[in-house]
Amino acid sequence: ISSQNDNLSRSSSGIGFAGVGGNGLYTSDASDSNERPESNLAFVRRKCDEWLLKGIPKLAQLQNHQFQIDECDLKIEKEWQPFLNEQARSLMSESIKLQQEAIYEMLSTEVSYIRQILTMTDIFMTSVMILKSSQRDGLLNDIEMEKLFSNIKDVLNANLSFWKEILLPIKIKLEQTGCAMNPSDLKLGFIK
């Protein structure tokens, strides 16, 4: 174990930006011919340490969403009531309050789901792609990306479309006007 740690510390001291190369992003593996080859476990640990320090690189092939993702668009408050103006609050019946709660829960749930999908693509999918592209013998060779991640890009694009075209305008209208959310504004999202 100590020789693996020595090997890991020696090879991690040569971290440089080599781009996408034989051993993946960020690191050039300059190793002496006298050293034993780095084990797959040590390689994965080294990559994870790099990503903790520098972040996981964004891969161009994963960034081809139909819709641009703006972090501000995915920000949603816990409560909808503070956005309402006094007149809207005073005229709202109990059944309309329940309706508003349901609509806002849909907005919140969609944002949460999109964030989860982005975590899957930005962290898990990217990590597997980088490690797999290292072409190390026995490291993720049997993983088929298409089977593992299936149609996740299509799911993300569909959810981003639903958010950007239907739900985000409802959220913006609530924040800007202070009026109750109109359930009819959801109609097009369910007809498509």
Protein backbone atom coordinates (compact mmCIF):
# COMPACT_ATOMS: atom_id res chain seq x y z
CA ILE A 1 0.00 0.00 0.00
CA SER A 2 2.78 2.44 0.84
CA SER A 3 4.43 1.86 -2.55
CA GLN A 4 1.10 2.64 -4.22
CA ASN A 5 0.82 5.82 -2.14
CA ASP A 6 4.41 6.77 -3.04
CA ASN A 7 3.62 6.14 -6.68
CA LEU A 8 0.43 8.18 -6.35
CA SER A 9 2.20 11.12 -4.73
CA ARG A 10 5.05 11.04 -7.27
CA SER A 11 2.73 10.88 -10.25
CA SER A 12 0.33 13.49 -8.87
CA SER A 13 3.13 15.99 -8.43
CA GLY A 14 3.42 16.21 -12.21
CA ILE A 15 -0.12 17.49 -12.72
CA GLY A 16 -0.35 19.66 -15.79
CA PHE A 17 -2.89 20.68 -18.36
CA ALA A 18 -2.40 18.23 -21.16
CA GLY A 19 -5.94 18.48 -22.49
CA VAL A 20 -7.76 15.40 -23.62
CA GLY A 21 -5.02 12.88 -24.03
CA GLY A 22 -4.27 9.24 -23.57
CA ASN A 23 -4.91 9.35 -19.84
CA GLY A 24 -7.79 11.82 -19.71
CA LEU A 25 -8.27 15.47 -19.00
CA TYR A 26 -5.95 17.71 -16.97
CA THR A 27 -3.13 15.32 -16.18
CA SER A 28 -0.08 14.35 -18.08
CA ASP A 29 1.32 11.08 -16.82
CA ALA A 30 5.04 11.56 -16.86
CA SER A 31 6.32 8.44 -15.17
CA ASP A 32 9.84 7.10 -14.96
CA SER A 33 10.51 3.79 -16.60
CA ASN A 34 11.75 2.49 -13.18
CA GLU A 35 8.35 3.00 -11.51
CA ARG A 36 5.63 0.40 -11.47
CA PRO A 37 2.57 1.33 -13.52
CA GLU A 38 -0.13 3.08 -11.58
CA SER A 39 -2.95 0.76 -10.53
CA ASN A 40 -6.46 1.48 -11.77
CA LEU A 41 -7.57 2.23 -8.22
CA ALA A 42 -4.73 4.73 -7.75
CA PHE A 43 -5.55 6.26 -11.14
CA VAL A 44 -9.22 6.73 -10.21
CA ARG A 45 -8.27 8.20 -6.82
CA ARG A 46 -5.84 10.61 -8.49
CA LYS A 47 -8.49 11.71 -10.99
CA CYS A 48 -11.02 12.25 -8.19
CA ASP A 49 -8.47 14.32 -6.25
CA GLU A 50 -7.82 16.42 -9.36
CA TRP A 51 -11.53 16.97 -9.89
CA LEU A 52 -11.96 18.02 -6.26
CA LEU A 53 -9.27 20.67 -6.74
CA LYS A 54 -10.12 21.86 -10.25
CA GLY A 55 -13.68 20.68 -10.80
CA ILE A 56 -14.86 18.14 -13.29
CA PRO A 57 -14.19 19.36 -16.81
CA LYS A 58 -17.17 20.12 -19.01
CA LEU A 59 -17.19 17.91 -22.08
CA ALA A 60 -18.41 19.47 -25.29
CA GLN A 61 -20.38 16.38 -26.31
CA LEU A 62 -22.46 16.70 -23.11
CA GLN A 63 -23.12 20.41 -23.49
CA ASN A 64 -25.27 20.20 -26.61
CA HIS A 65 -28.58 20.84 -24.85
CA GLN A 66 -31.25 22.33 -27.07
CA PHE A 67 -31.77 25.00 -24.41
CA GLN A 68 -29.16 27.08 -22.66
CA ILE A 69 -29.15 26.54 -18.92
CA ASP A 70 -28.99 29.69 -16.85
CA GLU A 71 -28.50 29.08 -13.13
CA CYS A 72 -30.79 32.06 -12.38
CA ASP A 73 -33.61 30.35 -14.28
CA LEU A 74 -33.33 27.33 -11.99
CA LYS A 75 -33.56 29.36 -8.78
CA ILE A 76 -36.88 29.00 -7.05
CA GLU A 77 -37.98 30.20 -3.62
CA LYS A 78 -39.52 27.81 -1.12
CA GLU A 79 -42.75 29.78 -0.82
CA TRP A 80 -44.98 31.43 -3.44
CA GLN A 81 -47.13 33.56 -1.10
CA PRO A 82 -44.58 36.39 -0.56
CA PHE A 83 -44.77 37.22 -4.27
CA LEU A 84 -48.49 37.95 -4.14
CA ASN A 85 -49.65 41.55 -3.84
CA GLU A 86 -52.14 42.51 -1.09
CA GLN A 87 -55.14 42.52 -3.42
CA ALA A 88 -54.39 39.01 -4.74
CA ARG A 89 -53.93 37.72 -1.17
CA SER A 90 -57.17 39.21 0.10
CA LEU A 91 -59.30 37.90 -2.79
CA MET A 92 -57.93 34.35 -2.70
CA SER A 93 -60.29 31.60 -1.52
CA GLU A 94 -59.07 28.47 0.24
CA SER A 95 -59.56 26.34 -2.89
CA ILE A 96 -57.55 28.82 -4.99
CA LYS A 97 -54.77 28.73 -2.36
CA LEU A 98 -54.65 24.93 -2.70
CA GLN A 99 -54.56 25.27 -6.48
CA GLN A 100 -51.71 27.80 -6.24
CA GLU A 101 -49.85 25.46 -3.88
CA ALA A 102 -50.16 22.63 -6.41
CA ILE A 103 -48.93 24.77 -9.30
CA TYR A 104 -45.97 26.05 -7.31
CA GLU A 105 -45.14 22.51 -6.19
CA MET A 106 -45.00 21.53 -9.87
CA LEU A 107 -42.54 24.39 -10.51
CA SER A 108 -40.37 23.38 -7.55
CA THR A 109 -40.43 19.70 -8.45
CA GLU A 110 -39.44 20.40 -12.05
CA VAL A 111 -36.47 22.52 -10.95
CA SER A 112 -35.38 19.78 -8.55
CA TYR A 113 -35.69 17.12 -11.27
CA ILE A 114 -33.69 19.17 -13.79
CA ARG A 115 -30.96 19.69 -11.20
CA GLN A 116 -30.84 15.93 -10.56
CA ILE A 117 -30.52 15.20 -14.28
CA LEU A 118 -27.78 17.82 -14.60
CA THR A 119 -25.95 16.17 -11.70
CA MET A 120 -26.19 12.86 -13.53
CA THR A 121 -24.81 14.30 -16.78
CA ASP A 122 -22.33 16.83 -15.39
CA ILE A 123 -20.82 14.60 -12.71
CA PHE A 124 -21.52 10.91 -13.23
CA MET A 125 -21.67 10.73 -17.02
CA THR A 126 -18.66 13.03 -17.45
CA SER A 127 -16.61 11.10 -14.90
CA VAL A 128 -17.35 7.76 -16.52
CA MET A 129 -16.58 9.15 -20.00
CA ILE A 130 -13.23 10.56 -18.88
CA LEU A 131 -12.22 7.42 -17.01
CA LYS A 132 -13.35 5.23 -19.88
CA SER A 133 -11.43 7.37 -22.39
CA SER A 134 -8.23 6.78 -20.43
CA GLN A 135 -8.13 3.39 -22.18
CA ARG A 136 -6.61 1.72 -19.15
CA ASP A 137 -6.84 -2.04 -19.31
CA GLY A 138 -9.68 -3.30 -17.14
CA LEU A 139 -11.01 0.15 -16.20
CA LEU A 140 -14.67 0.48 -17.18
CA ASN A 141 -14.05 -1.46 -20.40
CA ASP A 142 -17.30 -3.39 -20.07
CA ILE A 143 -19.48 -0.31 -19.56
CA GLU A 144 -21.62 0.66 -22.52
CA MET A 145 -22.45 4.35 -22.15
CA GLU A 146 -25.61 4.05 -24.26
CA LYS A 147 -27.00 1.38 -21.94
CA LEU A 148 -25.85 2.98 -18.72
CA PHE A 149 -27.17 6.47 -19.46
CA SER A 150 -29.75 5.50 -22.08
CA ASN A 151 -31.72 8.52 -23.28
CA ILE A 152 -30.78 10.90 -20.46
CA LYS A 153 -29.94 13.72 -22.89
CA ASP A 154 -33.40 13.45 -24.47
CA VAL A 155 -35.03 13.44 -21.03
CA LEU A 156 -33.02 16.53 -20.05
CA ASN A 157 -33.95 18.37 -23.24
CA ALA A 158 -37.65 17.52 -22.79
CA ASN A 159 -37.62 18.77 -19.20
CA LEU A 160 -35.70 21.90 -20.11
CA SER A 161 -38.21 22.59 -22.87
CA PHE A 162 -41.14 22.16 -20.49
CA TRP A 163 -39.43 24.42 -17.94
CA LYS A 164 -38.32 27.17 -20.33
CA GLU A 165 -41.47 27.32 -22.47
CA ILE A 166 -44.23 26.66 -19.92
CA LEU A 167 -43.22 26.77 -16.26
CA LEU A 168 -40.55 29.49 -16.17
CA PRO A 169 -42.92 32.10 -17.70
CA ILE A 170 -45.46 31.27 -14.96
CA LYS A 171 -42.80 31.78 -12.29
CA ILE A 172 -41.61 35.05 -13.84
CA LYS A 173 -45.18 36.34 -14.17
CA LEU A 174 -45.84 35.58 -10.48
CA GLU A 175 -42.66 37.36 -9.41
CA GLN A 176 -43.19 40.40 -11.62
CA THR A 177 -46.93 41.00 -11.29
CA GLY A 178 -47.75 39.67 -7.84
CA CYS A 179 -50.88 38.07 -9.28
CA ALA A 180 -51.99 34.49 -8.73
CA MET A 181 -50.66 31.84 -11.13
CA ASN A 182 -53.13 30.97 -13.88
CA PRO A 183 -53.65 27.19 -14.32
CA SER A 184 -54.61 27.81 -17.96
CA ASP A 185 -50.97 28.79 -18.59
CA LEU A 186 -50.09 25.10 -18.08
CA LYS A 187 -52.37 23.92 -20.90
CA LEU A 188 -49.84 24.06 -23.72
CA GLY A 189 -47.34 22.02 -21.71
CA PHE A 190 -49.69 19.10 -21.52
CA ILE A 191 -50.97 19.31 -25.08
CA LYS A 192 -47.51 19.14 -26.67
